[in-house]
Amino acid sequence: IVLGVAALLVMRLWPIYNEKMKVDQAIDKLASNPDAGRMTKPEIVQAIMRQFDVSDVDRFDTAGLTKVVTVGKKKGSNNKVVMMAYEIRAPLFSNLDVVMNYRNVKEFGPAKTD
């Protein structure tokens, strides 16, 4: 019984955790882009959506991703800050849900000049 419960927990929680890792990878890939400091919010959303298409993250469409991505400037510098925050709810047992709050903040350097 204990092994069955453990297997069920893993089967229910793994997709949520796997999606979190894919979202982290997409944001890290964006952060490694040397032009990220110059990108506008729509360009950042499109870059993340391209990574989601490759990684098979189906939770978001462009409009939904635009709502959870925040782009701003860090106080006292020209660095750009991109934050993605959302909540995932998934069923665990009958009327019991698992909730994961996701929040990732990346800071990009100032826009590079040629």
C-alpha atoms as a PDB file:
ATOM      1  CA  ILE A   1       0.000   0.000   0.000  1.00  0.00           C
ATOM      2  CA  VAL A   2       2.795   2.421   0.910  1.00  0.00           C
ATOM      3  CA  LEU A   3       4.561   1.698  -2.372  1.00  0.00           C
ATOM      4  CA  GLY A   4       1.319   2.260  -4.284  1.00  0.00           C
ATOM      5  CA  VAL A   5       0.713   5.617  -2.594  1.00  0.00           C
ATOM      6  CA  ALA A   6       4.302   6.680  -3.275  1.00  0.00           C
ATOM      7  CA  ALA A   7       3.983   5.655  -6.935  1.00  0.00           C
ATOM      8  CA  LEU A   8       0.711   7.586  -7.254  1.00  0.00           C
ATOM      9  CA  LEU A   9       2.280  10.707  -5.729  1.00  0.00           C
ATOM     10  CA  VAL A  10       5.201  10.528  -8.143  1.00  0.00           C
ATOM     11  CA  MET A  11       2.876  10.032 -11.129  1.00  0.00           C
ATOM     12  CA  ARG A  12       0.750  13.040 -10.109  1.00  0.00           C
ATOM     13  CA  LEU A  13       3.575  15.390  -9.093  1.00  0.00           C
ATOM     14  CA  TRP A  14       6.198  14.617 -11.748  1.00  0.00           C
ATOM     15  CA  PRO A  15       4.408  16.431 -14.634  1.00  0.00           C
ATOM     16  CA  ILE A  16       4.097  19.599 -12.538  1.00  0.00           C
ATOM     17  CA  TYR A  17       7.732  19.532 -11.479  1.00  0.00           C
ATOM     18  CA  ASN A  18       8.877  18.671 -15.013  1.00  0.00           C
ATOM     19  CA  GLU A  19       6.964  21.654 -16.388  1.00  0.00           C
ATOM     20  CA  LYS A  20       8.612  23.895 -13.776  1.00  0.00           C
ATOM     21  CA  MET A  21      12.038  22.720 -14.952  1.00  0.00           C
ATOM     22  CA  LYS A  22      11.110  23.430 -18.595  1.00  0.00           C
ATOM     23  CA  VAL A  23       9.915  26.938 -17.697  1.00  0.00           C
ATOM     24  CA  ASP A  24      13.175  27.547 -15.803  1.00  0.00           C
ATOM     25  CA  GLN A  25      15.136  26.396 -18.861  1.00  0.00           C
ATOM     26  CA  ALA A  26      13.182  28.732 -21.145  1.00  0.00           C
ATOM     27  CA  ILE A  27      13.887  31.719 -18.910  1.00  0.00           C
ATOM     28  CA  ASP A  28      17.561  30.741 -18.560  1.00  0.00           C
ATOM     29  CA  LYS A  29      17.807  30.483 -22.362  1.00  0.00           C
ATOM     30  CA  LEU A  30      16.348  33.979 -22.626  1.00  0.00           C
ATOM     31  CA  ALA A  31      18.837  35.244 -20.040  1.00  0.00           C
ATOM     32  CA  SER A  32      21.724  33.821 -22.091  1.00  0.00           C
ATOM     33  CA  ASN A  33      20.614  35.848 -25.134  1.00  0.00           C
ATOM     34  CA  PRO A  34      22.989  38.827 -25.436  1.00  0.00           C
ATOM     35  CA  ASP A  35      20.181  40.973 -26.869  1.00  0.00           C
ATOM     36  CA  ALA A  36      17.777  40.288 -23.996  1.00  0.00           C
ATOM     37  CA  GLY A  37      18.518  43.670 -22.439  1.00  0.00           C
ATOM     38  CA  ARG A  38      17.161  45.389 -25.559  1.00  0.00           C
ATOM     39  CA  MET A  39      14.022  43.272 -25.960  1.00  0.00           C
ATOM     40  CA  THR A  40      10.549  44.650 -25.362  1.00  0.00           C
ATOM     41  CA  LYS A  41       7.932  42.739 -23.380  1.00  0.00           C
ATOM     42  CA  PRO A  42       6.228  41.337 -26.526  1.00  0.00           C
ATOM     43  CA  GLU A  43       9.623  40.173 -27.835  1.00  0.00           C
ATOM     44  CA  ILE A  44      10.428  38.544 -24.489  1.00  0.00           C
ATOM     45  CA  VAL A  45       7.043  36.780 -24.454  1.00  0.00           C
ATOM     46  CA  GLN A  46       7.620  35.553 -28.030  1.00  0.00           C
ATOM     47  CA  ALA A  47      11.098  34.261 -27.139  1.00  0.00           C
ATOM     48  CA  ILE A  48       9.706  32.369 -24.139  1.00  0.00           C
ATOM     49  CA  MET A  49       6.812  31.004 -26.249  1.00  0.00           C
ATOM     50  CA  ARG A  50       9.314  29.678 -28.830  1.00  0.00           C
ATOM     51  CA  GLN A  51      11.107  27.821 -26.053  1.00  0.00           C
ATOM     52  CA  PHE A  52       7.789  26.492 -24.742  1.00  0.00           C
ATOM     53  CA  ASP A  53       6.961  25.182 -28.230  1.00  0.00           C
ATOM     54  CA  VAL A  54      10.286  23.334 -28.356  1.00  0.00           C
ATOM     55  CA  SER A  55       9.967  22.047 -24.777  1.00  0.00           C
ATOM     56  CA  ASP A  56       6.286  21.100 -25.162  1.00  0.00           C
ATOM     57  CA  VAL A  57       4.927  23.376 -22.424  1.00  0.00           C
ATOM     58  CA  ASP A  58       1.224  23.639 -23.267  1.00  0.00           C
ATOM     59  CA  ARG A  59      -0.078  25.575 -20.273  1.00  0.00           C
ATOM     60  CA  PHE A  60       0.222  29.008 -21.917  1.00  0.00           C
ATOM     61  CA  ASP A  61      -0.831  30.784 -25.046  1.00  0.00           C
ATOM     62  CA  THR A  62       0.650  34.188 -25.910  1.00  0.00           C
ATOM     63  CA  ALA A  63      -2.117  36.135 -24.145  1.00  0.00           C
ATOM     64  CA  GLY A  64      -1.865  33.978 -21.010  1.00  0.00           C
ATOM     65  CA  LEU A  65       1.914  34.255 -20.902  1.00  0.00           C
ATOM     66  CA  THR A  66       1.710  38.033 -21.301  1.00  0.00           C
ATOM     67  CA  LYS A  67      -0.387  38.153 -18.119  1.00  0.00           C
ATOM     68  CA  VAL A  68       2.156  36.245 -15.986  1.00  0.00           C
ATOM     69  CA  VAL A  69       5.345  37.885 -17.309  1.00  0.00           C
ATOM     70  CA  THR A  70       6.349  41.247 -15.857  1.00  0.00           C
ATOM     71  CA  VAL A  71       9.148  43.334 -17.350  1.00  0.00           C
ATOM     72  CA  GLY A  72      10.680  46.329 -15.624  1.00  0.00           C
ATOM     73  CA  LYS A  73      13.891  48.152 -14.796  1.00  0.00           C
ATOM     74  CA  LYS A  74      15.902  47.637 -11.649  1.00  0.00           C
ATOM     75  CA  LYS A  75      15.967  50.732  -9.468  1.00  0.00           C
ATOM     76  CA  GLY A  76      19.224  52.609  -9.696  1.00  0.00           C
ATOM     77  CA  SER A  77      20.511  50.846 -12.823  1.00  0.00           C
ATOM     78  CA  ASN A  78      19.750  50.226 -16.460  1.00  0.00           C
ATOM     79  CA  ASN A  79      19.339  46.483 -15.906  1.00  0.00           C
ATOM     80  CA  LYS A  80      16.098  44.906 -17.043  1.00  0.00           C
ATOM     81  CA  VAL A  81      14.217  42.585 -14.676  1.00  0.00           C
ATOM     82  CA  VAL A  82      11.892  39.887 -16.006  1.00  0.00           C
ATOM     83  CA  MET A  83       9.616  38.097 -13.573  1.00  0.00           C
ATOM     84  CA  MET A  84       7.311  35.194 -14.281  1.00  0.00           C
ATOM     85  CA  ALA A  85       4.844  34.243 -11.558  1.00  0.00           C
ATOM     86  CA  TYR A  86       1.847  31.935 -11.698  1.00  0.00           C
ATOM     87  CA  GLU A  87       0.064  29.150  -9.851  1.00  0.00           C
ATOM     88  CA  ILE A  88      -0.439  25.548 -10.928  1.00  0.00           C
ATOM     89  CA  ARG A  89      -3.277  23.468  -9.504  1.00  0.00           C
ATOM     90  CA  ALA A  90      -3.462  19.754 -10.201  1.00  0.00           C
ATOM     91  CA  PRO A  91      -5.723  17.054  -8.776  1.00  0.00           C
ATOM     92  CA  LEU A  92      -4.130  14.618  -6.348  1.00  0.00           C
ATOM     93  CA  PHE A  93      -7.001  12.536  -4.948  1.00  0.00           C
ATOM     94  CA  SER A  94     -10.725  13.066  -5.554  1.00  0.00           C
ATOM     95  CA  ASN A  95     -11.249  16.547  -4.024  1.00  0.00           C
ATOM     96  CA  LEU A  96      -7.646  17.117  -2.873  1.00  0.00           C
ATOM     97  CA  ASP A  97      -5.483  19.344  -5.094  1.00  0.00           C
ATOM     98  CA  VAL A  98      -1.795  20.114  -5.176  1.00  0.00           C
ATOM     99  CA  VAL A  99      -0.871  23.786  -5.597  1.00  0.00           C
ATOM    100  CA  MET A 100       2.533  24.987  -6.770  1.00  0.00           C
ATOM    101  CA  ASN A 101       3.338  28.692  -6.744  1.00  0.00           C
ATOM    102  CA  TYR A 102       5.942  29.481  -9.371  1.00  0.00           C
ATOM    103  CA  ARG A 103       8.059  32.616  -9.313  1.00  0.00           C
ATOM    104  CA  ASN A 104      11.277  33.228 -11.224  1.00  0.00           C
ATOM    105  CA  VAL A 105      13.068  36.556 -11.486  1.00  0.00           C
ATOM    106  CA  LYS A 106      15.954  37.164 -13.883  1.00  0.00           C
ATOM    107  CA  GLU A 107      17.987  40.302 -14.236  1.00  0.00           C
ATOM    108  CA  PHE A 108      19.524  41.149 -17.588  1.00  0.00           C
ATOM    109  CA  GLY A 109      22.417  43.490 -18.100  1.00  0.00           C
ATOM    110  CA  PRO A 110      21.975  46.827 -19.819  1.00  0.00           C
ATOM    111  CA  ALA A 111      21.388  46.882 -23.548  1.00  0.00           C
ATOM    112  CA  LYS A 112      24.584  46.114 -25.407  1.00  0.00           C
ATOM    113  CA  THR A 113      25.760  48.706 -27.893  1.00  0.00           C
ATOM    114  CA  ASP A 114      27.631  47.869 -31.081  1.00  0.00           C
END
